[in-house]
Full PDB file with SEQRES, HELIX, SHEET, SSBOND, CRYST1, ORIGX, SCALE, CONECT and MASTER records, all heavy atoms in Angstrom:
SEQRES   1 A   40  ARG PHE GLU VAL ARG ASN GLY THR VAL TRP LYS ARG PRO          
SEQRES   2 A   40  ASP ASN TRP ALA LEU SER PHE ALA ALA LYS ILE GLN GLY          
SEQRES   3 A   40  GLU ALA GLY THR VAL THR GLY ASN VAL ILE VAL LYS LEU          
SEQRES   4 A   40  SER                                                          
HELIX    1 AA1 ASN A    6  THR A    8  5                                   3    
SHEET    1 AA1 2 ASP A  14  LYS A  23  0                                        
SHEET    2 AA1 2 THR A  30  LEU A  39 -1                                        
CRYST1    1.000    1.000    1.000  90.00  90.00  90.00 P 1           1          
ORIGX1      1.000000  0.000000  0.000000        0.00000                         
ORIGX2      0.000000  1.000000  0.000000        0.00000                         
ORIGX3      0.000000  0.000000  1.000000        0.00000                         
SCALE1      1.000000  0.000000  0.000000        0.00000                         
SCALE2      0.000000  1.000000  0.000000        0.00000                         
SCALE3      0.000000  0.000000  1.000000        0.00000                         
ATOM      1  N   ARG A   1     -37.351 214.586  63.778  1.00  0.00           N  
ATOM      2  CA  ARG A   1     -36.733 215.156  62.574  1.00  0.00           C  
ATOM      3  C   ARG A   1     -37.183 216.596  62.372  1.00  0.00           C  
ATOM      4  O   ARG A   1     -38.343 216.930  62.604  1.00  0.00           O  
ATOM      5  CB  ARG A   1     -37.084 214.292  61.371  1.00  0.00           C  
ATOM      6  CG  ARG A   1     -36.528 212.867  61.529  1.00  0.00           C  
ATOM      7  CD  ARG A   1     -36.874 211.975  60.370  1.00  0.00           C  
ATOM      8  NE  ARG A   1     -36.460 212.625  59.129  1.00  0.00           N  
ATOM      9  CZ  ARG A   1     -37.194 212.657  58.030  1.00  0.00           C  
ATOM     10  NH1 ARG A   1     -38.353 212.062  57.967  1.00  0.00           N  
ATOM     11  NH2 ARG A   1     -36.755 213.273  56.953  1.00  0.00           N  
ATOM     12  N   PHE A   2     -36.243 217.411  61.881  1.00  0.00           N  
ATOM     13  CA  PHE A   2     -36.507 218.823  61.635  1.00  0.00           C  
ATOM     14  C   PHE A   2     -35.855 219.230  60.319  1.00  0.00           C  
ATOM     15  O   PHE A   2     -34.823 218.699  59.945  1.00  0.00           O  
ATOM     16  CB  PHE A   2     -35.908 219.683  62.760  1.00  0.00           C  
ATOM     17  CG  PHE A   2     -36.494 219.375  64.102  1.00  0.00           C  
ATOM     18  CD1 PHE A   2     -35.953 218.378  64.899  1.00  0.00           C  
ATOM     19  CD2 PHE A   2     -37.598 220.067  64.563  1.00  0.00           C  
ATOM     20  CE1 PHE A   2     -36.489 218.070  66.129  1.00  0.00           C  
ATOM     21  CE2 PHE A   2     -38.152 219.769  65.795  1.00  0.00           C  
ATOM     22  CZ  PHE A   2     -37.594 218.771  66.578  1.00  0.00           C  
ATOM     23  N   GLU A   3     -36.486 220.188  59.658  1.00  0.00           N  
ATOM     24  CA  GLU A   3     -35.899 220.767  58.459  1.00  0.00           C  
ATOM     25  C   GLU A   3     -35.516 222.213  58.772  1.00  0.00           C  
ATOM     26  O   GLU A   3     -36.345 222.987  59.254  1.00  0.00           O  
ATOM     27  CB  GLU A   3     -36.883 220.743  57.290  1.00  0.00           C  
ATOM     28  CG  GLU A   3     -36.265 221.295  56.006  1.00  0.00           C  
ATOM     29  CD  GLU A   3     -37.230 221.213  54.850  1.00  0.00           C  
ATOM     30  OE1 GLU A   3     -38.207 221.982  54.846  1.00  0.00           O  
ATOM     31  OE2 GLU A   3     -37.005 220.369  53.961  1.00  0.00           O  
ATOM     32  N   VAL A   4     -34.251 222.528  58.513  1.00  0.00           N  
ATOM     33  CA  VAL A   4     -33.754 223.887  58.720  1.00  0.00           C  
ATOM     34  C   VAL A   4     -33.450 224.475  57.353  1.00  0.00           C  
ATOM     35  O   VAL A   4     -32.731 223.874  56.558  1.00  0.00           O  
ATOM     36  CB  VAL A   4     -32.476 223.893  59.600  1.00  0.00           C  
ATOM     37  CG1 VAL A   4     -31.948 225.316  59.752  1.00  0.00           C  
ATOM     38  CG2 VAL A   4     -32.758 223.285  60.956  1.00  0.00           C  
ATOM     39  N   ARG A   5     -34.017 225.648  57.082  1.00  0.00           N  
ATOM     40  CA  ARG A   5     -33.759 226.347  55.821  1.00  0.00           C  
ATOM     41  C   ARG A   5     -32.699 227.418  56.065  1.00  0.00           C  
ATOM     42  O   ARG A   5     -32.990 228.594  56.125  1.00  0.00           O  
ATOM     43  CB  ARG A   5     -35.059 226.943  55.291  1.00  0.00           C  
ATOM     44  CG  ARG A   5     -35.974 225.871  54.708  1.00  0.00           C  
ATOM     45  CD  ARG A   5     -37.299 226.411  54.272  1.00  0.00           C  
ATOM     46  NE  ARG A   5     -38.213 226.182  55.388  1.00  0.00           N  
ATOM     47  CZ  ARG A   5     -39.172 226.996  55.753  1.00  0.00           C  
ATOM     48  NH1 ARG A   5     -39.394 228.098  55.087  1.00  0.00           N  
ATOM     49  NH2 ARG A   5     -39.940 226.717  56.768  1.00  0.00           N  
ATOM     50  N   ASN A   6     -31.463 226.956  56.222  1.00  0.00           N  
ATOM     51  CA  ASN A   6     -30.380 227.882  56.533  1.00  0.00           C  
ATOM     52  C   ASN A   6     -29.804 228.580  55.312  1.00  0.00           C  
ATOM     53  O   ASN A   6     -29.167 229.618  55.440  1.00  0.00           O  
ATOM     54  CB  ASN A   6     -29.262 227.147  57.272  1.00  0.00           C  
ATOM     55  CG  ASN A   6     -28.699 225.992  56.461  1.00  0.00           C  
ATOM     56  OD1 ASN A   6     -29.438 225.110  56.052  1.00  0.00           O  
ATOM     57  ND2 ASN A   6     -27.410 226.002  56.218  1.00  0.00           N  
ATOM     58  N   GLY A   7     -30.011 228.033  54.139  1.00  0.00           N  
ATOM     59  CA  GLY A   7     -29.445 228.616  52.919  1.00  0.00           C  
ATOM     60  C   GLY A   7     -30.006 229.980  52.593  1.00  0.00           C  
ATOM     61  O   GLY A   7     -29.394 230.745  51.858  1.00  0.00           O  
ATOM     62  N   THR A   8     -31.162 230.326  53.143  1.00  0.00           N  
ATOM     63  CA  THR A   8     -31.730 231.648  52.908  1.00  0.00           C  
ATOM     64  C   THR A   8     -31.059 232.696  53.788  1.00  0.00           C  
ATOM     65  O   THR A   8     -31.203 233.880  53.560  1.00  0.00           O  
ATOM     66  CB  THR A   8     -33.247 231.648  53.194  1.00  0.00           C  
ATOM     67  OG1 THR A   8     -33.455 231.268  54.557  1.00  0.00           O  
ATOM     68  CG2 THR A   8     -33.986 230.701  52.286  1.00  0.00           C  
ATOM     69  N   VAL A   9     -30.310 232.217  54.803  1.00  0.00           N  
ATOM     70  CA  VAL A   9     -29.690 233.115  55.767  1.00  0.00           C  
ATOM     71  C   VAL A   9     -28.187 233.220  55.566  1.00  0.00           C  
ATOM     72  O   VAL A   9     -27.612 234.291  55.656  1.00  0.00           O  
ATOM     73  CB  VAL A   9     -29.974 232.608  57.211  1.00  0.00           C  
ATOM     74  CG1 VAL A   9     -29.282 233.463  58.241  1.00  0.00           C  
ATOM     75  CG2 VAL A   9     -31.470 232.553  57.465  1.00  0.00           C  
ATOM     76  N   TRP A  10     -27.549 232.110  55.261  1.00  0.00           N  
ATOM     77  CA  TRP A  10     -26.089 232.038  55.224  1.00  0.00           C  
ATOM     78  C   TRP A  10     -25.671 231.194  54.037  1.00  0.00           C  
ATOM     79  O   TRP A  10     -26.231 230.127  53.807  1.00  0.00           O  
ATOM     80  CB  TRP A  10     -25.616 231.409  56.525  1.00  0.00           C  
ATOM     81  CG  TRP A  10     -24.196 231.659  56.903  1.00  0.00           C  
ATOM     82  CD1 TRP A  10     -23.234 230.697  57.004  1.00  0.00           C  
ATOM     83  CD2 TRP A  10     -23.572 232.877  57.267  1.00  0.00           C  
ATOM     84  NE1 TRP A  10     -22.047 231.263  57.407  1.00  0.00           N  
ATOM     85  CE2 TRP A  10     -22.231 232.612  57.574  1.00  0.00           C  
ATOM     86  CE3 TRP A  10     -24.018 234.195  57.335  1.00  0.00           C  
ATOM     87  CZ2 TRP A  10     -21.329 233.583  57.955  1.00  0.00           C  
ATOM     88  CZ3 TRP A  10     -23.131 235.178  57.730  1.00  0.00           C  
ATOM     89  CH2 TRP A  10     -21.803 234.873  58.035  1.00  0.00           C  
ATOM     90  N   LYS A  11     -24.682 231.612  53.305  1.00  0.00           N  
ATOM     91  CA  LYS A  11     -24.312 230.958  52.044  1.00  0.00           C  
ATOM     92  C   LYS A  11     -23.075 230.067  52.131  1.00  0.00           C  
ATOM     93  O   LYS A  11     -22.505 229.720  51.111  1.00  0.00           O  
ATOM     94  CB  LYS A  11     -24.094 232.016  50.959  1.00  0.00           C  
ATOM     95  CG  LYS A  11     -25.319 232.867  50.697  1.00  0.00           C  
ATOM     96  CD  LYS A  11     -26.474 232.042  50.176  1.00  0.00           C  
ATOM     97  CE  LYS A  11     -27.675 232.922  49.907  1.00  0.00           C  
ATOM     98  NZ  LYS A  11     -28.886 232.201  49.672  1.00  0.00           N  
ATOM     99  N   ARG A  12     -22.650 229.670  53.325  1.00  0.00           N  
ATOM    100  CA  ARG A  12     -21.500 228.768  53.456  1.00  0.00           C  
ATOM    101  C   ARG A  12     -21.720 227.800  54.618  1.00  0.00           C  
ATOM    102  O   ARG A  12     -22.505 228.099  55.533  1.00  0.00           O  
ATOM    103  CB  ARG A  12     -20.215 229.558  53.639  1.00  0.00           C  
ATOM    104  CG  ARG A  12     -20.162 230.307  54.938  1.00  0.00           C  
ATOM    105  CD  ARG A  12     -18.832 231.012  55.086  1.00  0.00           C  
ATOM    106  NE  ARG A  12     -18.725 231.454  56.466  1.00  0.00           N  
ATOM    107  CZ  ARG A  12     -17.981 232.433  56.866  1.00  0.00           C  
ATOM    108  NH1 ARG A  12     -17.244 233.094  56.009  1.00  0.00           N  
ATOM    109  NH2 ARG A  12     -17.933 232.769  58.132  1.00  0.00           N  
ATOM    110  N   PRO A  13     -21.053 226.658  54.622  1.00  0.00           N  
ATOM    111  CA  PRO A  13     -21.194 225.706  55.729  1.00  0.00           C  
ATOM    112  C   PRO A  13     -20.698 226.334  57.025  1.00  0.00           C  
ATOM    113  O   PRO A  13     -19.649 226.983  57.042  1.00  0.00           O  
ATOM    114  CB  PRO A  13     -20.298 224.533  55.329  1.00  0.00           C  
ATOM    115  CG  PRO A  13     -20.082 224.676  53.869  1.00  0.00           C  
ATOM    116  CD  PRO A  13     -20.165 226.146  53.574  1.00  0.00           C  
ATOM    117  N   ASP A  14     -21.470 226.174  58.082  1.00  0.00           N  
ATOM    118  CA  ASP A  14     -21.074 226.718  59.384  1.00  0.00           C  
ATOM    119  C   ASP A  14     -21.861 226.027  60.495  1.00  0.00           C  
ATOM    120  O   ASP A  14     -22.839 225.325  60.231  1.00  0.00           O  
ATOM    121  CB  ASP A  14     -21.318 228.224  59.445  1.00  0.00           C  
ATOM    122  CG  ASP A  14     -20.013 228.986  59.644  1.00  0.00           C  
ATOM    123  OD1 ASP A  14     -19.177 228.531  60.450  1.00  0.00           O  
ATOM    124  OD2 ASP A  14     -19.828 230.019  58.989  1.00  0.00           O  
ATOM    125  N   ASN A  15     -21.409 226.260  61.723  1.00  0.00           N  
ATOM    126  CA  ASN A  15     -22.073 225.671  62.882  1.00  0.00           C  
ATOM    127  C   ASN A  15     -23.322 226.453  63.265  1.00  0.00           C  
ATOM    128  O   ASN A  15     -23.298 227.686  63.306  1.00  0.00           O  
ATOM    129  CB  ASN A  15     -21.118 225.617  64.077  1.00  0.00           C  
ATOM    130  CG  ASN A  15     -20.064 224.553  63.915  1.00  0.00           C  
ATOM    131  OD1 ASN A  15     -20.264 223.569  63.212  1.00  0.00           O  
ATOM    132  ND2 ASN A  15     -18.928 224.734  64.549  1.00  0.00           N  
ATOM    133  N   TRP A  16     -24.365 225.703  63.537  1.00  0.00           N  
ATOM    134  CA  TRP A  16     -25.637 226.247  63.979  1.00  0.00           C  
ATOM    135  C   TRP A  16     -25.997 225.628  65.321  1.00  0.00           C  
ATOM    136  O   TRP A  16     -25.651 224.470  65.587  1.00  0.00           O  
ATOM    137  CB  TRP A  16     -26.741 225.905  62.974  1.00  0.00           C  
ATOM    138  CG  TRP A  16     -26.692 226.718  61.723  1.00  0.00           C  
ATOM    139  CD1 TRP A  16     -25.754 226.666  60.733  1.00  0.00           C  
ATOM    140  CD2 TRP A  16     -27.626 227.709  61.325  1.00  0.00           C  
ATOM    141  NE1 TRP A  16     -26.051 227.556  59.746  1.00  0.00           N  
ATOM    142  CE2 TRP A  16     -27.200 228.209  60.076  1.00  0.00           C  
ATOM    143  CE3 TRP A  16     -28.791 228.205  61.887  1.00  0.00           C  
ATOM    144  CZ2 TRP A  16     -27.892 229.198  59.395  1.00  0.00           C  
ATOM    145  CZ3 TRP A  16     -29.487 229.184  61.203  1.00  0.00           C  
ATOM    146  CH2 TRP A  16     -29.036 229.684  59.971  1.00  0.00           C  
ATOM    147  N   ALA A  17     -26.716 226.368  66.146  1.00  0.00           N  
ATOM    148  CA  ALA A  17     -27.259 225.840  67.397  1.00  0.00           C  
ATOM    149  C   ALA A  17     -28.737 225.551  67.171  1.00  0.00           C  
ATOM    150  O   ALA A  17     -29.490 226.425  66.735  1.00  0.00           O  
ATOM    151  CB  ALA A  17     -27.097 226.845  68.533  1.00  0.00           C  
ATOM    152  N   LEU A  18     -29.126 224.325  67.419  1.00  0.00           N  
ATOM    153  CA  LEU A  18     -30.533 223.951  67.362  1.00  0.00           C  
ATOM    154  C   LEU A  18     -30.990 223.770  68.803  1.00  0.00           C  
ATOM    155  O   LEU A  18     -30.444 222.929  69.527  1.00  0.00           O  
ATOM    156  CB  LEU A  18     -30.723 222.657  66.575  1.00  0.00           C  
ATOM    157  CG  LEU A  18     -30.107 222.635  65.172  1.00  0.00           C  
ATOM    158  CD1 LEU A  18     -30.395 221.304  64.500  1.00  0.00           C  
ATOM    159  CD2 LEU A  18     -30.634 223.779  64.337  1.00  0.00           C  
ATOM    160  N   SER A  19     -31.955 224.571  69.230  1.00  0.00           N  
ATOM    161  CA  SER A  19     -32.444 224.538  70.602  1.00  0.00           C  
ATOM    162  C   SER A  19     -33.864 223.988  70.622  1.00  0.00           C  
ATOM    163  O   SER A  19     -34.672 224.312  69.745  1.00  0.00           O  
ATOM    164  CB  SER A  19     -32.441 225.940  71.198  1.00  0.00           C  
ATOM    165  OG  SER A  19     -31.152 226.510  71.093  1.00  0.00           O  
ATOM    166  N   PHE A  20     -34.146 223.186  71.650  1.00  0.00           N  
ATOM    167  CA  PHE A  20     -35.442 222.525  71.743  1.00  0.00           C  
ATOM    168  C   PHE A  20     -35.997 222.596  73.161  1.00  0.00           C  
ATOM    169  O   PHE A  20     -35.235 222.655  74.129  1.00  0.00           O  
ATOM    170  CB  PHE A  20     -35.319 221.041  71.359  1.00  0.00           C  
ATOM    171  CG  PHE A  20     -34.712 220.829  70.014  1.00  0.00           C  
ATOM    172  CD1 PHE A  20     -33.379 220.497  69.877  1.00  0.00           C  
ATOM    173  CD2 PHE A  20     -35.471 220.980  68.866  1.00  0.00           C  
ATOM    174  CE1 PHE A  20     -32.800 220.309  68.635  1.00  0.00           C  
ATOM    175  CE2 PHE A  20     -34.911 220.800  67.620  1.00  0.00           C  
ATOM    176  CZ  PHE A  20     -33.574 220.463  67.498  1.00  0.00           C  
ATOM    177  N   ALA A  21     -37.319 222.549  73.251  1.00  0.00           N  
ATOM    178  CA  ALA A  21     -38.027 222.388  74.521  1.00  0.00           C  
ATOM    179  C   ALA A  21     -39.081 221.323  74.276  1.00  0.00           C  
ATOM    180  O   ALA A  21     -39.757 221.338  73.237  1.00  0.00           O  
ATOM    181  CB  ALA A  21     -38.674 223.698  74.964  1.00  0.00           C  
ATOM    182  N   ALA A  22     -39.199 220.387  75.216  1.00  0.00           N  
ATOM    183  CA  ALA A  22     -40.128 219.268  75.024  1.00  0.00           C  
ATOM    184  C   ALA A  22     -40.873 218.956  76.312  1.00  0.00           C  
ATOM    185  O   ALA A  22     -40.343 219.133  77.416  1.00  0.00           O  
ATOM    186  CB  ALA A  22     -39.365 218.031  74.560  1.00  0.00           C  
ATOM    187  N   LYS A  23     -42.073 218.487  76.138  1.00  0.00           N  
ATOM    188  CA  LYS A  23     -42.883 217.966  77.238  1.00  0.00           C  
ATOM    189  C   LYS A  23     -42.853 216.452  77.127  1.00  0.00           C  
ATOM    190  O   LYS A  23     -43.055 215.895  76.048  1.00  0.00           O  
ATOM    191  CB  LYS A  23     -44.335 218.458  77.151  1.00  0.00           C  
ATOM    192  CG  LYS A  23     -44.487 219.933  77.389  1.00  0.00           C  
ATOM    193  CD  LYS A  23     -44.224 220.250  78.834  1.00  0.00           C  
ATOM    194  CE  LYS A  23     -44.633 221.675  79.158  1.00  0.00           C  
ATOM    195  NZ  LYS A  23     -44.427 221.987  80.551  1.00  0.00           N  
ATOM    196  N   ILE A  24     -42.608 215.798  78.259  1.00  0.00           N  
ATOM    197  CA  ILE A  24     -42.532 214.349  78.307  1.00  0.00           C  
ATOM    198  C   ILE A  24     -43.605 213.847  79.260  1.00  0.00           C  
ATOM    199  O   ILE A  24     -43.723 214.356  80.386  1.00  0.00           O  
ATOM    200  CB  ILE A  24     -41.136 213.889  78.775  1.00  0.00           C  
ATOM    201  CG1 ILE A  24     -40.079 214.375  77.795  1.00  0.00           C  
ATOM    202  CG2 ILE A  24     -41.094 212.375  78.935  1.00  0.00           C  
ATOM    203  CD1 ILE A  24     -38.659 214.141  78.249  1.00  0.00           C  
ATOM    204  N   GLN A  25     -44.358 212.864  78.808  1.00  0.00           N  
ATOM    205  CA  GLN A  25     -45.429 212.315  79.630  1.00  0.00           C  
ATOM    206  C   GLN A  25     -44.862 211.826  80.957  1.00  0.00           C  
ATOM    207  O   GLN A  25     -43.861 211.122  80.998  1.00  0.00           O  
ATOM    208  CB  GLN A  25     -46.115 211.155  78.906  1.00  0.00           C  
ATOM    209  CG  GLN A  25     -47.319 210.635  79.646  1.00  0.00           C  
ATOM    210  CD  GLN A  25     -48.060 209.578  78.842  1.00  0.00           C  
ATOM    211  OE1 GLN A  25     -47.691 209.238  77.735  1.00  0.00           O  
ATOM    212  NE2 GLN A  25     -49.114 209.064  79.421  1.00  0.00           N  
ATOM    213  N   GLY A  26     -45.508 212.251  82.049  1.00  0.00           N  
ATOM    214  CA  GLY A  26     -45.101 211.836  83.380  1.00  0.00           C  
ATOM    215  C   GLY A  26     -44.093 212.760  84.037  1.00  0.00           C  
ATOM    216  O   GLY A  26     -43.767 212.581  85.204  1.00  0.00           O  
ATOM    217  N   GLU A  27     -43.579 213.748  83.312  1.00  0.00           N  
ATOM    218  CA  GLU A  27     -42.623 214.700  83.872  1.00  0.00           C  
ATOM    219  C   GLU A  27     -43.305 216.058  84.025  1.00  0.00           C  
ATOM    220  O   GLU A  27     -43.959 216.530  83.107  1.00  0.00           O  
ATOM    221  CB  GLU A  27     -41.393 214.850  82.977  1.00  0.00           C  
ATOM    222  CG  GLU A  27     -40.570 213.599  82.830  1.00  0.00           C  
ATOM    223  CD  GLU A  27     -39.899 213.158  84.133  1.00  0.00           C  
ATOM    224  OE1 GLU A  27     -39.901 213.911  85.122  1.00  0.00           O  
ATOM    225  OE2 GLU A  27     -39.373 212.041  84.152  1.00  0.00           O  
ATOM    226  N   ALA A  28     -43.124 216.668  85.181  1.00  0.00           N  
ATOM    227  CA  ALA A  28     -43.781 217.940  85.461  1.00  0.00           C  
ATOM    228  C   ALA A  28     -43.155 219.102  84.692  1.00  0.00           C  
ATOM    229  O   ALA A  28     -43.851 219.983  84.218  1.00  0.00           O  
ATOM    230  CB  ALA A  28     -43.731 218.231  86.957  1.00  0.00           C  
ATOM    231  N   GLY A  29     -41.852 219.101  84.552  1.00  0.00           N  
ATOM    232  CA  GLY A  29     -41.172 220.229  83.924  1.00  0.00           C  
ATOM    233  C   GLY A  29     -41.019 220.073  82.427  1.00  0.00           C  
ATOM    234  O   GLY A  29     -41.355 219.046  81.842  1.00  0.00           O  
ATOM    235  N   THR A  30     -40.496 221.124  81.824  1.00  0.00           N  
ATOM    236  CA  THR A  30     -40.181 221.118  80.404  1.00  0.00           C  
ATOM    237  C   THR A  30     -38.702 220.799  80.245  1.00  0.00           C  
ATOM    238  O   THR A  30     -37.856 221.366  80.922  1.00  0.00           O  
ATOM    239  CB  THR A  30     -40.485 222.496  79.787  1.00  0.00           C  
ATOM    240  OG1 THR A  30     -41.868 222.786  79.988  1.00  0.00           O  
ATOM    241  CG2 THR A  30     -40.175 222.525  78.303  1.00  0.00           C  
ATOM    242  N   VAL A  31     -38.392 219.881  79.348  1.00  0.00           N  
ATOM    243  CA  VAL A  31     -37.014 219.502  79.077  1.00  0.00           C  
ATOM    244  C   VAL A  31     -36.486 220.419  77.993  1.00  0.00           C  
ATOM    245  O   VAL A  31     -37.121 220.595  76.943  1.00  0.00           O  
ATOM    246  CB  VAL A  31     -36.941 218.028  78.612  1.00  0.00           C  
ATOM    247  CG1 VAL A  31     -35.539 217.659  78.192  1.00  0.00           C  
ATOM    248  CG2 VAL A  31     -37.439 217.100  79.713  1.00  0.00           C  
ATOM    249  N   THR A  32     -35.339 221.032  78.228  1.00  0.00           N  
ATOM    250  CA  THR A  32     -34.724 221.897  77.234  1.00  0.00           C  
ATOM    251  C   THR A  32     -33.303 221.430  76.940  1.00  0.00           C  
ATOM    252  O   THR A  32     -32.678 220.770  77.763  1.00  0.00           O  
ATOM    253  CB  THR A  32     -34.678 223.372  77.728  1.00  0.00           C  
ATOM    254  OG1 THR A  32     -33.907 223.436  78.928  1.00  0.00           O  
ATOM    255  CG2 THR A  32     -36.070 223.921  77.961  1.00  0.00           C  
ATOM    256  N   GLY A  33     -32.823 221.788  75.785  1.00  0.00           N  
ATOM    257  CA  GLY A  33     -31.453 221.442  75.418  1.00  0.00           C  
ATOM    258  C   GLY A  33     -31.130 221.957  74.039  1.00  0.00           C  
ATOM    259  O   GLY A  33     -31.996 222.490  73.342  1.00  0.00           O  
ATOM    260  N   ASN A  34     -29.862 221.797  73.663  1.00  0.00           N  
ATOM    261  CA  ASN A  34     -29.482 222.216  72.322  1.00  0.00           C  
ATOM    262  C   ASN A  34     -28.422 221.289  71.767  1.00  0.00           C  
ATOM    263  O   ASN A  34     -27.811 220.507  72.483  1.00  0.00           O  
ATOM    264  CB  ASN A  34     -29.026 223.677  72.290  1.00  0.00           C  
ATOM    265  CG  ASN A  34     -27.741 223.897  73.064  1.00  0.00           C  
ATOM    266  OD1 ASN A  34     -27.042 222.973  73.431  1.00  0.00           O  
ATOM    267  ND2 ASN A  34     -27.442 225.152  73.318  1.00  0.00           N  
ATOM    268  N   VAL A  35     -28.270 221.358  70.467  1.00  0.00           N  
ATOM    269  CA  VAL A  35     -27.312 220.558  69.721  1.00  0.00           C  
ATOM    270  C   VAL A  35     -26.606 221.503  68.752  1.00  0.00           C  
ATOM    271  O   VAL A  35     -27.253 222.340  68.114  1.00  0.00           O  
ATOM    272  CB  VAL A  35     -28.042 219.441  68.940  1.00  0.00           C  
ATOM    273  CG1 VAL A  35     -27.081 218.689  68.053  1.00  0.00           C  
ATOM    274  CG2 VAL A  35     -28.756 218.495  69.880  1.00  0.00           C  
ATOM    275  N   ILE A  36     -25.294 221.373  68.650  1.00  0.00           N  
ATOM    276  CA  ILE A  36     -24.526 222.158  67.679  1.00  0.00           C  
ATOM    277  C   ILE A  36     -24.276 221.256  66.474  1.00  0.00           C  
ATOM    278  O   ILE A  36     -23.831 220.117  66.615  1.00  0.00           O  
ATOM    279  CB  ILE A  36     -23.178 222.626  68.266  1.00  0.00           C  
ATOM    280  CG1 ILE A  36     -23.375 223.363  69.593  1.00  0.00           C  
ATOM    281  CG2 ILE A  36     -22.421 223.478  67.247  1.00  0.00           C  
ATOM    282  CD1 ILE A  36     -24.217 224.601  69.513  1.00  0.00           C  
ATOM    283  N   VAL A  37     -24.566 221.773  65.289  1.00  0.00           N  
ATOM    284  CA  VAL A  37     -24.432 220.971  64.077  1.00  0.00           C  
ATOM    285  C   VAL A  37     -23.937 221.857  62.931  1.00  0.00           C  
ATOM    286  O   VAL A  37     -24.314 223.025  62.830  1.00  0.00           O  
ATOM    287  CB  VAL A  37     -25.775 220.291  63.717  1.00  0.00           C  
ATOM    288  CG1 VAL A  37     -26.864 221.304  63.461  1.00  0.00           C  
ATOM    289  CG2 VAL A  37     -25.631 219.343  62.548  1.00  0.00           C  
ATOM    290  N   LYS A  38     -23.079 221.292  62.095  1.00  0.00           N  
ATOM    291  CA  LYS A  38     -22.587 222.022  60.914  1.00  0.00           C  
ATOM    292  C   LYS A  38     -23.566 221.798  59.771  1.00  0.00           C  
ATOM    293  O   LYS A  38     -23.825 220.660  59.378  1.00  0.00           O  
ATOM    294  CB  LYS A  38     -21.194 221.545  60.511  1.00  0.00           C  
ATOM    295  CG  LYS A  38     -20.580 222.403  59.430  1.00  0.00           C  
ATOM    296  CD  LYS A  38     -19.115 222.090  59.265  1.00  0.00           C  
ATOM    297  CE  LYS A  38     -18.424 223.324  58.738  1.00  0.00           C  
ATOM    298  NZ  LYS A  38     -17.047 223.389  59.139  1.00  0.00           N  
ATOM    299  N   LEU A  39     -24.128 222.884  59.273  1.00  0.00           N  
ATOM    300  CA  LEU A  39     -25.101 222.819  58.182  1.00  0.00           C  
ATOM    301  C   LEU A  39     -24.517 223.434  56.931  1.00  0.00           C  
ATOM    302  O   LEU A  39     -23.758 224.398  56.982  1.00  0.00           O  
ATOM    303  CB  LEU A  39     -26.381 223.558  58.566  1.00  0.00           C  
ATOM    304  CG  LEU A  39     -27.123 223.033  59.783  1.00  0.00           C  
ATOM    305  CD1 LEU A  39     -28.372 223.881  60.055  1.00  0.00           C  
ATOM    306  CD2 LEU A  39     -27.500 221.575  59.611  1.00  0.00           C  
ATOM    307  N   SER A  40     -24.884 222.861  55.790  1.00  0.00           N  
ATOM    308  CA  SER A  40     -24.464 223.380  54.479  1.00  0.00           C  
ATOM    309  C   SER A  40     -25.631 224.123  53.855  1.00  0.00           C  
ATOM    310  O   SER A  40     -26.782 223.732  54.024  1.00  0.00           O  
ATOM    311  CB  SER A  40     -24.058 222.234  53.570  1.00  0.00           C  
ATOM    312  OG  SER A  40     -22.972 221.548  54.124  1.00  0.00           O  
TER     313      SER A  40                                                      
MASTER        0    0    0    1    2    0    0    6  312    1    0    4          
END                                                                             
C-alpha cells in the first residue's frame, strides 16, 4: 500500500504513473514496473 499526495500538485482527476523497484528474496536482480492509475 502507498499514499500519494497528488492534490498538492494537480487539482483534477487524471492518470498518474506509479513506478516501483523491488528486491525479492532469492532473486539476484531488481524487479521494476509501473502501474497507471486515475487519481482524484
